[in-house]
Amino acid sequence: MAERTITLLIVDDHPVVRNGLRGMFAASPDFEVLGEASDGAEAVALAAMLDPDVVLMDLRMPGGGGVDAIAELTRRGLRCEVLVLTTYDTDSDTLPAIEAGATGYLLKDAPRDELFTAVRAAAEGKTVLSPAIASRLVSRVRAPGNEPLSTREREVLILVAKGTSNREIAAVLFISEATVKTHLTHLYGKLGVKDRAAAVAVAYERGILG
């Protein structure tokens, strides 16, 4: 049993998922669910009001995604730790969430005991990554130049090649300008360039575009 009760905020756009998680944590005396949010904007507002130890954050939600919410929680300096709980494990989801300030990243198929352990670790500020995510990040660090562009990064690059601004890209792809900048940073790193023009030139050279 934990030395103290860990307080939680559950963020997911599916009521069934929220109810299931609430029931799971309610069955243990180690945890207390303070509230639920259905999108990122609501999550930020409730986290500021309820002051939970840990925010269980889904990523892709209409009305406000998880990455932007994590970045805003970090910007505000709230004490809560964010544990991403999602079905998505691609680099285009994982890396922006971690860079925005998430303490951990877990997939929704994680067993109950693994989830409980991850929440306890997150509450202590410890990094928690699902095995699949951890191995991918290790591979990326070992061979950063050989990483292929994600689907989203490729979409951003195609729009950049057409002379589209960050604001316009955000509107076309239904993401925030901050997320566009994050994708640009990642694809610059993968292509070994420092600006938009060089990215487009290298992408044509490598046959990524055209």
Protein backbone atom coordinates (compact mmCIF):
# COMPACT_ATOMS: atom_id res chain seq x y z
CA MET A 1 0.00 0.00 0.00
CA ALA A 2 1.28 3.48 -0.82
CA GLU A 3 2.42 5.72 2.03
CA ARG A 4 -0.05 8.36 0.88
CA THR A 5 -3.02 8.49 -1.43
CA ILE A 6 -2.07 9.56 -4.97
CA THR A 7 -4.59 11.95 -6.51
CA LEU A 8 -5.47 11.70 -10.19
CA LEU A 9 -7.10 13.59 -13.04
CA ILE A 10 -8.28 11.37 -15.91
CA VAL A 11 -8.27 12.93 -19.39
CA ASP A 12 -9.88 11.05 -22.29
CA ASP A 13 -12.54 11.93 -24.84
CA HIS A 14 -14.30 8.56 -24.45
CA PRO A 15 -16.66 8.35 -21.43
CA VAL A 16 -16.36 4.54 -21.36
CA VAL A 17 -12.59 4.78 -20.99
CA ARG A 18 -12.88 7.41 -18.24
CA ASN A 19 -15.45 5.34 -16.36
CA GLY A 20 -13.32 2.22 -16.65
CA LEU A 21 -10.22 3.96 -15.36
CA ARG A 22 -12.13 5.65 -12.53
CA GLY A 23 -13.55 2.29 -11.45
CA MET A 24 -10.14 0.64 -11.61
CA PHE A 25 -8.48 3.27 -9.43
CA ALA A 26 -11.45 3.53 -7.07
CA ALA A 27 -10.98 -0.15 -6.23
CA SER A 28 -7.58 0.63 -4.71
CA PRO A 29 -7.12 2.63 -1.49
CA ASP A 30 -3.83 3.97 -2.87
CA PHE A 31 -5.52 6.30 -5.36
CA GLU A 32 -8.18 9.01 -5.46
CA VAL A 33 -9.65 10.31 -8.73
CA LEU A 34 -10.32 14.03 -8.29
CA GLY A 35 -11.94 14.63 -11.66
CA GLU A 36 -12.27 13.85 -15.36
CA ALA A 37 -11.74 15.91 -18.51
CA SER A 38 -12.76 15.17 -22.10
CA ASP A 39 -10.17 17.33 -23.89
CA GLY A 40 -6.89 19.16 -23.39
CA ALA A 41 -8.32 22.58 -22.60
CA GLU A 42 -10.60 21.17 -19.90
CA ALA A 43 -7.65 19.16 -18.55
CA VAL A 44 -5.55 22.29 -18.05
CA ALA A 45 -8.40 24.12 -16.32
CA LEU A 46 -9.17 21.19 -13.98
CA ALA A 47 -5.51 20.51 -13.22
CA ALA A 48 -5.08 24.14 -12.15
CA MET A 49 -8.19 23.93 -9.97
CA LEU A 50 -7.88 20.42 -8.47
CA ASP A 51 -4.06 20.20 -8.14
CA PRO A 52 -3.73 16.42 -8.75
CA ASP A 53 -0.49 14.50 -8.26
CA VAL A 54 -0.79 12.82 -11.66
CA VAL A 55 -2.71 13.60 -14.86
CA LEU A 56 -3.52 10.54 -16.98
CA MET A 57 -3.52 12.13 -20.44
CA ASP A 58 -4.88 10.79 -23.73
CA LEU A 59 -3.29 12.41 -26.81
CA ARG A 60 -5.71 12.65 -29.71
CA MET A 61 -8.91 14.37 -28.62
CA PRO A 62 -11.28 16.69 -30.48
CA GLY A 63 -11.48 20.09 -28.85
CA GLY A 64 -7.87 20.11 -27.66
CA GLY A 65 -5.11 17.51 -27.94
CA GLY A 66 -2.91 16.11 -25.22
CA VAL A 67 0.44 17.46 -26.43
CA ASP A 68 -0.75 21.07 -26.35
CA ALA A 69 -2.26 20.48 -22.90
CA ILE A 70 1.00 18.99 -21.60
CA ALA A 71 2.94 21.97 -22.95
CA GLU A 72 0.52 24.39 -21.26
CA LEU A 73 0.71 22.55 -17.92
CA THR A 74 4.50 22.73 -18.17
CA ARG A 75 4.39 26.42 -19.09
CA ARG A 76 2.21 27.20 -16.08
CA GLY A 77 4.59 25.35 -13.78
CA LEU A 78 1.87 23.19 -12.20
CA ARG A 79 3.25 20.52 -9.89
CA CYS A 80 1.28 17.62 -11.43
CA GLU A 81 3.15 14.94 -13.36
CA VAL A 82 1.67 13.86 -16.70
CA LEU A 83 1.47 10.19 -17.63
CA VAL A 84 0.34 9.73 -21.23
CA LEU A 85 -2.07 6.81 -21.65
CA THR A 86 -2.90 6.27 -25.30
CA THR A 87 -3.30 3.72 -28.08
CA TYR A 88 -0.73 5.50 -30.28
CA ASP A 89 2.97 4.62 -30.14
CA THR A 90 4.39 6.30 -33.26
CA ASP A 91 7.31 8.74 -33.05
CA SER A 92 5.03 11.57 -34.17
CA ASP A 93 2.97 11.00 -30.99
CA THR A 94 5.63 9.88 -28.53
CA LEU A 95 8.35 12.48 -29.02
CA PRO A 96 6.20 15.65 -28.99
CA ALA A 97 4.49 14.44 -25.79
CA ILE A 98 7.78 13.76 -24.02
CA GLU A 99 9.35 16.99 -25.27
CA ALA A 100 6.28 18.93 -24.09
CA GLY A 101 6.92 17.68 -20.56
CA ALA A 102 5.24 14.29 -20.08
CA THR A 103 6.83 12.24 -17.29
CA GLY A 104 5.82 8.93 -18.83
CA TYR A 105 4.18 7.24 -21.80
CA LEU A 106 2.07 4.10 -21.50
CA LEU A 107 -0.17 2.27 -23.95
CA LYS A 108 -3.78 1.46 -23.12
CA ASP A 109 -3.18 -2.27 -23.41
CA ALA A 110 -0.98 -2.14 -20.28
CA PRO A 111 -2.12 -4.51 -17.50
CA ARG A 112 -3.71 -2.95 -14.40
CA ASP A 113 -0.72 -3.62 -12.15
CA GLU A 114 1.64 -2.05 -14.70
CA LEU A 115 -0.59 1.03 -14.87
CA PHE A 116 -0.70 1.32 -11.06
CA THR A 117 3.09 0.98 -10.86
CA ALA A 118 3.52 3.60 -13.59
CA VAL A 119 1.23 6.07 -11.79
CA ARG A 120 3.13 5.59 -8.53
CA ALA A 121 6.43 6.14 -10.33
CA ALA A 122 5.09 9.21 -12.17
CA ALA A 123 3.89 10.69 -8.86
CA GLU A 124 7.52 10.54 -7.71
CA GLY A 125 8.68 12.25 -10.89
CA LYS A 126 10.24 9.09 -12.34
CA THR A 127 10.21 8.51 -16.10
CA VAL A 128 7.95 5.65 -17.15
CA LEU A 129 7.94 4.28 -20.69
CA SER A 130 6.21 1.24 -22.14
CA PRO A 131 8.77 -1.32 -23.39
CA ALA A 132 7.89 -0.68 -27.06
CA ILE A 133 8.38 3.08 -26.65
CA ALA A 134 11.62 2.68 -24.70
CA SER A 135 13.20 0.41 -27.31
CA ARG A 136 12.24 2.77 -30.14
CA LEU A 137 13.73 5.77 -28.34
CA VAL A 138 16.96 3.87 -27.67
CA SER A 139 17.19 2.92 -31.35
CA ARG A 140 16.56 6.52 -32.33
CA VAL A 141 19.36 7.80 -30.08
CA ARG A 142 21.79 5.21 -31.46
CA ALA A 143 21.03 6.05 -35.11
CA PRO A 144 19.44 9.53 -35.23
CA GLY A 145 20.33 10.16 -38.88
CA ASN A 146 18.65 7.02 -40.22
CA GLU A 147 15.17 7.71 -38.88
CA PRO A 148 12.51 7.90 -41.61
CA LEU A 149 10.03 10.76 -41.51
CA SER A 150 6.71 10.00 -39.87
CA THR A 151 3.52 10.35 -41.89
CA ARG A 152 2.73 13.66 -40.18
CA GLU A 153 6.25 15.01 -40.68
CA ARG A 154 6.01 14.12 -44.37
CA GLU A 155 2.66 15.96 -44.60
CA VAL A 156 4.21 19.04 -42.99
CA LEU A 157 7.21 18.85 -45.34
CA ILE A 158 5.00 18.63 -48.44
CA LEU A 159 3.15 21.77 -47.34
CA VAL A 160 6.44 23.54 -46.57
CA ALA A 161 7.61 22.72 -50.11
CA LYS A 162 4.49 24.47 -51.41
CA GLY A 163 5.43 27.63 -49.50
CA THR A 164 2.75 27.18 -46.84
CA SER A 165 3.21 29.14 -43.59
CA ASN A 166 3.13 27.49 -40.14
CA ARG A 167 -0.27 29.03 -39.45
CA GLU A 168 -1.65 27.71 -42.73
CA ILE A 169 -0.16 24.26 -42.12
CA ALA A 170 -1.79 24.21 -38.68
CA ALA A 171 -5.17 25.02 -40.25
CA VAL A 172 -4.84 22.42 -43.01
CA LEU A 173 -3.76 19.60 -40.65
CA PHE A 174 -6.04 20.65 -37.74
CA ILE A 175 -3.12 20.98 -35.30
CA SER A 176 -1.64 23.91 -33.37
CA GLU A 177 1.19 26.09 -34.63
CA ALA A 178 3.26 24.83 -31.70
CA THR A 179 2.80 21.26 -32.94
CA VAL A 180 3.78 22.33 -36.48
CA LYS A 181 7.00 23.80 -35.07
CA THR A 182 7.65 20.56 -33.17
CA HIS A 183 7.24 18.50 -36.35
CA LEU A 184 9.57 20.89 -38.20
CA THR A 185 12.20 20.54 -35.48
CA HIS A 186 12.01 16.76 -35.74
CA LEU A 187 12.23 16.63 -39.53
CA TYR A 188 15.11 19.15 -39.52
CA GLY A 189 16.96 16.81 -37.18
CA LYS A 190 16.22 13.76 -39.30
CA LEU A 191 17.30 15.52 -42.50
CA GLY A 192 20.34 17.17 -40.90
CA VAL A 193 19.28 20.71 -41.83
CA LYS A 194 18.53 23.97 -40.00
CA ASP A 195 15.84 25.67 -42.07
CA ARG A 196 12.84 25.16 -44.37
CA ALA A 197 14.68 25.74 -47.66
CA ALA A 198 17.41 23.24 -46.82
CA ALA A 199 14.81 20.71 -45.67
CA VAL A 200 13.01 20.91 -49.01
CA ALA A 201 16.28 20.68 -50.97
CA VAL A 202 17.52 17.62 -49.04
CA ALA A 203 14.09 15.98 -49.27
CA TYR A 204 14.21 16.27 -53.08
CA GLU A 205 17.78 14.94 -53.13
CA ARG A 206 16.76 11.88 -51.10
CA GLY A 207 13.62 11.29 -53.14
CA ILE A 208 11.33 12.00 -50.17
CA LEU A 209 9.59 14.68 -52.25
CA GLY A 210 8.82 14.49 -55.95
